[in-house]
N, C-alpha and C. Protein backbone atom coordinates (compact mmCIF):
# COMPACT_ATOMS: atom_id res chain seq x y z
N MET A 1 63.91 99.77 -49.18
CA MET A 1 63.11 100.05 -50.01
C MET A 1 61.70 100.39 -49.59
N ASP A 2 61.20 101.97 -49.67
CA ASP A 2 60.18 101.41 -49.18
C ASP A 2 59.06 100.60 -50.04
N LEU A 3 58.16 100.53 -49.85
CA LEU A 3 57.21 99.12 -49.98
C LEU A 3 55.93 100.00 -49.89
N THR A 4 55.29 100.83 -50.65
CA THR A 4 54.30 101.35 -50.87
C THR A 4 52.96 100.97 -50.78
N LYS A 5 53.09 99.93 -51.80
CA LYS A 5 51.94 98.85 -52.32
C LYS A 5 52.60 97.88 -52.74
N ASP A 6 51.62 96.52 -52.16
CA ASP A 6 52.13 94.59 -52.65
C ASP A 6 50.77 94.58 -53.67
N ILE A 7 51.07 94.21 -54.37
CA ILE A 7 50.41 93.92 -55.39
C ILE A 7 51.04 92.06 -55.91
N LYS A 8 50.14 91.57 -55.54
CA LYS A 8 50.41 89.86 -55.41
C LYS A 8 50.55 89.32 -57.01
N ALA A 9 51.28 88.44 -57.91
CA ALA A 9 51.05 87.85 -58.99
C ALA A 9 51.00 85.85 -59.00
N THR A 10 50.48 85.78 -59.73
CA THR A 10 51.00 83.67 -59.48
C THR A 10 51.95 83.52 -61.09
N VAL A 11 52.91 82.95 -60.16
CA VAL A 11 53.60 83.02 -61.03
C VAL A 11 53.25 80.94 -61.79
N THR A 12 53.18 80.68 -63.51
CA THR A 12 52.51 79.53 -63.74
C THR A 12 53.36 78.70 -63.57
N GLU A 13 52.98 77.32 -63.74
CA GLU A 13 54.16 76.09 -63.48
C GLU A 13 54.87 76.56 -64.84
N GLU A 14 55.12 77.37 -66.34
CA GLU A 14 56.22 77.95 -66.92
C GLU A 14 57.73 79.17 -66.96
N GLY A 15 56.86 79.22 -65.12
CA GLY A 15 57.54 80.10 -64.92
C GLY A 15 57.36 81.46 -65.05
N GLN A 16 55.78 81.87 -65.81
CA GLN A 16 55.78 83.10 -66.34
C GLN A 16 54.68 84.04 -64.97
N ILE A 17 55.21 85.11 -65.42
CA ILE A 17 53.92 86.12 -64.90
C ILE A 17 53.19 86.82 -64.70
N THR A 18 51.81 86.90 -64.81
CA THR A 18 51.48 88.07 -65.61
C THR A 18 51.07 89.03 -64.79
N PRO A 19 51.16 90.16 -64.90
CA PRO A 19 51.37 91.35 -64.28
C PRO A 19 49.32 91.06 -63.52
N PRO A 20 49.21 92.08 -62.41
CA PRO A 20 47.78 92.30 -62.62
C PRO A 20 47.28 93.63 -63.12
N LYS A 21 46.29 93.47 -63.43
CA LYS A 21 45.97 94.78 -64.17
C LYS A 21 46.26 96.40 -63.46
N GLU A 22 45.80 96.52 -62.43
CA GLU A 22 46.26 97.32 -60.97
C GLU A 22 47.86 97.87 -61.47
N ALA A 23 48.83 96.45 -61.41
CA ALA A 23 50.32 96.64 -62.37
C ALA A 23 50.78 97.31 -63.36
N ARG A 24 49.79 96.81 -63.92
CA ARG A 24 50.07 97.45 -65.14
C ARG A 24 49.44 98.73 -66.16
N ASP A 25 48.53 98.58 -65.21
CA ASP A 25 48.16 100.48 -65.56
C ASP A 25 48.78 101.15 -64.81
N ILE A 26 49.44 101.26 -63.50
CA ILE A 26 50.67 102.18 -62.70
C ILE A 26 51.93 101.84 -63.72
N LEU A 27 52.40 101.05 -64.53
CA LEU A 27 52.96 100.84 -64.98
C LEU A 27 52.94 101.61 -66.59
N ASN A 28 51.76 101.63 -67.03
CA ASN A 28 51.03 102.38 -68.13
C ASN A 28 51.97 101.09 -69.47
N VAL A 29 51.55 100.16 -69.14
CA VAL A 29 51.55 99.09 -70.35
C VAL A 29 50.53 97.48 -70.82
N SER A 30 50.33 97.18 -71.71
CA SER A 30 49.24 96.80 -72.23
C SER A 30 49.85 95.43 -72.88
N GLY A 31 49.12 94.62 -73.24
CA GLY A 31 49.47 93.48 -74.12
C GLY A 31 50.62 93.52 -75.29
N GLY A 32 51.24 92.65 -74.81
CA GLY A 32 52.35 92.74 -75.67
C GLY A 32 53.66 93.74 -75.56
N GLY A 33 53.21 94.58 -74.57
CA GLY A 33 54.48 95.87 -73.95
C GLY A 33 55.69 95.15 -73.17
N GLN A 34 56.55 95.87 -73.34
CA GLN A 34 57.71 94.87 -71.79
C GLN A 34 57.64 96.01 -70.44
N VAL A 35 58.13 95.05 -69.49
CA VAL A 35 58.36 95.93 -68.85
C VAL A 35 60.24 95.23 -68.16
N SER A 36 60.78 96.38 -67.32
CA SER A 36 62.30 95.51 -67.19
C SER A 36 62.07 94.66 -65.70
N LEU A 37 62.74 94.05 -64.93
CA LEU A 37 63.24 93.71 -64.00
C LEU A 37 64.13 94.19 -63.12
N ILE A 38 64.16 94.89 -62.15
CA ILE A 38 65.54 94.97 -61.93
C ILE A 38 65.80 94.31 -61.08
N TYR A 39 66.59 93.82 -60.42
CA TYR A 39 67.54 93.15 -58.52
C TYR A 39 67.88 93.96 -58.58
N ASP A 40 67.18 94.15 -56.61
CA ASP A 40 67.98 95.86 -56.20
C ASP A 40 68.26 94.66 -54.57
N GLY A 41 68.99 94.39 -54.14
CA GLY A 41 68.99 93.89 -52.54
C GLY A 41 68.26 92.81 -52.49
N GLY A 42 67.52 91.95 -52.56
CA GLY A 42 66.84 91.41 -52.56
C GLY A 42 65.21 91.84 -52.76
N PHE A 43 65.80 92.03 -53.31
CA PHE A 43 63.83 92.34 -54.13
C PHE A 43 63.76 92.49 -55.93
N VAL A 44 63.02 92.12 -56.78
CA VAL A 44 62.59 92.06 -57.66
C VAL A 44 61.46 93.26 -58.07
N ILE A 45 61.80 94.30 -58.53
CA ILE A 45 61.23 96.19 -59.12
C ILE A 45 60.76 95.77 -60.42
N MET A 46 59.54 95.78 -61.04
CA MET A 46 59.24 95.85 -61.81
C MET A 46 59.12 97.21 -62.32
N ALA A 47 59.42 97.79 -63.45
CA ALA A 47 59.09 99.05 -63.49
C ALA A 47 59.28 99.41 -65.58
N SER A 48 58.58 100.26 -65.81
CA SER A 48 58.81 100.22 -67.61
C SER A 48 59.88 100.87 -67.45
N PRO A 49 60.92 100.15 -68.21
CA PRO A 49 61.92 100.62 -69.11
C PRO A 49 61.72 101.81 -70.01
N PHE A 50 61.23 103.29 -69.77
CA PHE A 50 62.17 104.07 -70.07
C PHE A 50 61.87 104.67 -68.43
N THR A 51 61.27 104.68 -67.75
CA THR A 51 61.53 104.71 -66.30
C THR A 51 62.92 105.08 -65.30
N VAL A 52 63.84 103.52 -66.25
CA VAL A 52 64.53 102.47 -66.06
C VAL A 52 65.56 103.31 -67.63
N ALA A 53 65.34 103.55 -68.40
CA ALA A 53 65.92 104.64 -68.97
C ALA A 53 67.08 106.58 -68.89
N LEU A 54 65.86 106.20 -68.10
CA LEU A 54 65.37 107.99 -66.94
C LEU A 54 66.60 107.91 -66.40
N ARG A 55 66.27 106.84 -65.58
CA ARG A 55 66.75 107.13 -63.94
C ARG A 55 68.76 106.98 -64.80
N THR A 56 69.42 105.75 -65.82
CA THR A 56 70.36 105.64 -65.72
C THR A 56 70.84 107.14 -66.45
N LEU A 57 70.19 108.02 -67.20
CA LEU A 57 70.62 109.20 -67.91
C LEU A 57 70.48 109.35 -65.94
N GLN A 58 70.03 110.44 -65.45
CA GLN A 58 70.40 110.73 -64.63
C GLN A 58 70.99 110.32 -63.84
N GLU A 59 71.31 109.55 -62.85
CA GLU A 59 72.45 109.01 -62.67
C GLU A 59 74.22 109.01 -63.21
N ALA A 60 73.84 108.76 -64.41
CA ALA A 60 75.24 109.08 -65.35
C ALA A 60 75.07 110.16 -65.82
N VAL A 61 74.45 111.62 -66.02
CA VAL A 61 74.35 112.92 -66.06
C VAL A 61 75.12 113.51 -64.25
N ASN A 62 74.66 112.71 -63.18
CA ASN A 62 75.58 113.52 -62.43
C ASN A 62 76.52 112.68 -61.85
N LYS A 63 76.66 112.10 -61.98
CA LYS A 63 78.56 111.17 -62.26
C LYS A 63 79.09 112.25 -62.70
N LYS A 64 78.51 112.63 -64.01
CA LYS A 64 79.78 113.23 -64.48
C LYS A 64 79.26 114.51 -64.21
N ILE A 65 78.52 115.15 -64.24
CA ILE A 65 78.48 116.63 -63.57
C ILE A 65 79.24 116.60 -61.98
N ASP A 66 79.57 115.70 -61.36
CA ASP A 66 80.44 115.87 -59.95
C ASP A 66 81.81 115.06 -60.57
N GLU A 67 81.87 114.89 -61.44
CA GLU A 67 83.70 114.60 -62.11
C GLU A 67 84.06 116.05 -62.69
N SER A 68 83.06 116.72 -63.84
CA SER A 68 83.46 118.04 -64.04
C SER A 68 83.96 119.36 -63.17
N ASP A 69 84.00 120.09 -64.43
CA ASP A 69 83.79 121.81 -64.23
C ASP A 69 83.00 122.66 -64.69
N LEU A 70 81.38 121.49 -65.19
CA LEU A 70 80.40 123.06 -65.69
C LEU A 70 80.03 123.19 -65.33
N GLY A 71 80.20 124.70 -65.75
CA GLY A 71 79.91 126.08 -66.69
C GLY A 71 78.75 126.15 -65.83
N THR A 72 77.98 126.15 -67.17
CA THR A 72 76.89 127.28 -68.77
C THR A 72 75.88 125.93 -68.76
N GLU A 73 74.47 126.48 -68.72
CA GLU A 73 73.55 125.89 -68.96
C GLU A 73 74.01 124.75 -70.80
N GLU A 74 75.19 125.16 -71.57
CA GLU A 74 75.37 124.95 -72.63
C GLU A 74 75.97 123.44 -72.34
N GLU A 75 77.08 123.54 -71.48
CA GLU A 75 78.17 122.70 -70.99
C GLU A 75 77.25 121.41 -70.85
N ILE A 76 76.08 121.49 -69.41
CA ILE A 76 75.37 120.36 -69.33
C ILE A 76 74.69 120.24 -70.09
N VAL A 77 74.09 120.23 -71.39
CA VAL A 77 73.31 120.06 -72.19
C VAL A 77 74.54 119.39 -73.21
N LYS A 78 75.29 119.87 -73.78
CA LYS A 78 76.17 119.09 -74.34
C LYS A 78 76.40 118.10 -73.70
N LEU A 79 76.76 117.28 -72.19
CA LEU A 79 76.88 116.42 -71.60
C LEU A 79 75.97 115.71 -71.99
N CYS A 80 74.81 115.55 -71.37
CA CYS A 80 73.46 115.33 -71.57
C CYS A 80 73.09 114.25 -72.67
N LYS A 81 73.67 115.01 -74.07
CA LYS A 81 73.82 114.49 -75.22
C LYS A 81 74.70 113.08 -75.75
N GLU A 82 75.96 113.99 -74.68
CA GLU A 82 77.17 113.32 -75.14
C GLU A 82 76.87 110.98 -74.04
N ILE A 83 76.24 111.58 -73.26
CA ILE A 83 75.64 110.49 -71.99
C ILE A 83 74.36 109.37 -72.90
N ARG A 84 73.81 110.16 -73.39
CA ARG A 84 72.63 110.02 -74.28
C ARG A 84 72.85 108.74 -75.43
N ARG A 85 74.21 109.27 -76.13
CA ARG A 85 74.50 108.20 -77.29
C ARG A 85 75.25 106.71 -76.50
N GLU A 86 75.99 107.67 -75.37
CA GLU A 86 76.94 106.23 -74.53
C GLU A 86 75.72 105.03 -74.47
N ASN A 87 74.58 105.87 -74.03
CA ASN A 87 73.64 104.61 -73.12
C ASN A 87 72.51 104.02 -73.82
N GLY A 88 72.65 104.45 -75.40
CA GLY A 88 71.82 104.74 -76.04
C GLY A 88 70.78 104.50 -76.53
N ILE A 89 70.16 105.88 -75.48
CA ILE A 89 69.13 106.63 -75.37
C ILE A 89 68.37 107.61 -76.64
N HIS A 90 67.59 107.16 -77.14
CA HIS A 90 67.46 107.87 -78.81
C HIS A 90 65.92 109.32 -77.84
């Protein structure tokens, strides 16, 4: 994992974390917005839900393409739409 930016946050007595403004700006979230917390080999990564959905879709598409015999752009577009439905991505 490439730790290119280490931004510190404090955990409150209630167990809550408020991401510092710099982190919120990077993730493009504001008050009331949501972030995804992803566990990855000893690290907890904060990401925008959009980025997580996009990565999930990308991995699913790559897996399906590797498993299939897709030949045309039309077939790939159809597969992408199917995967989006399966993963609840609209």
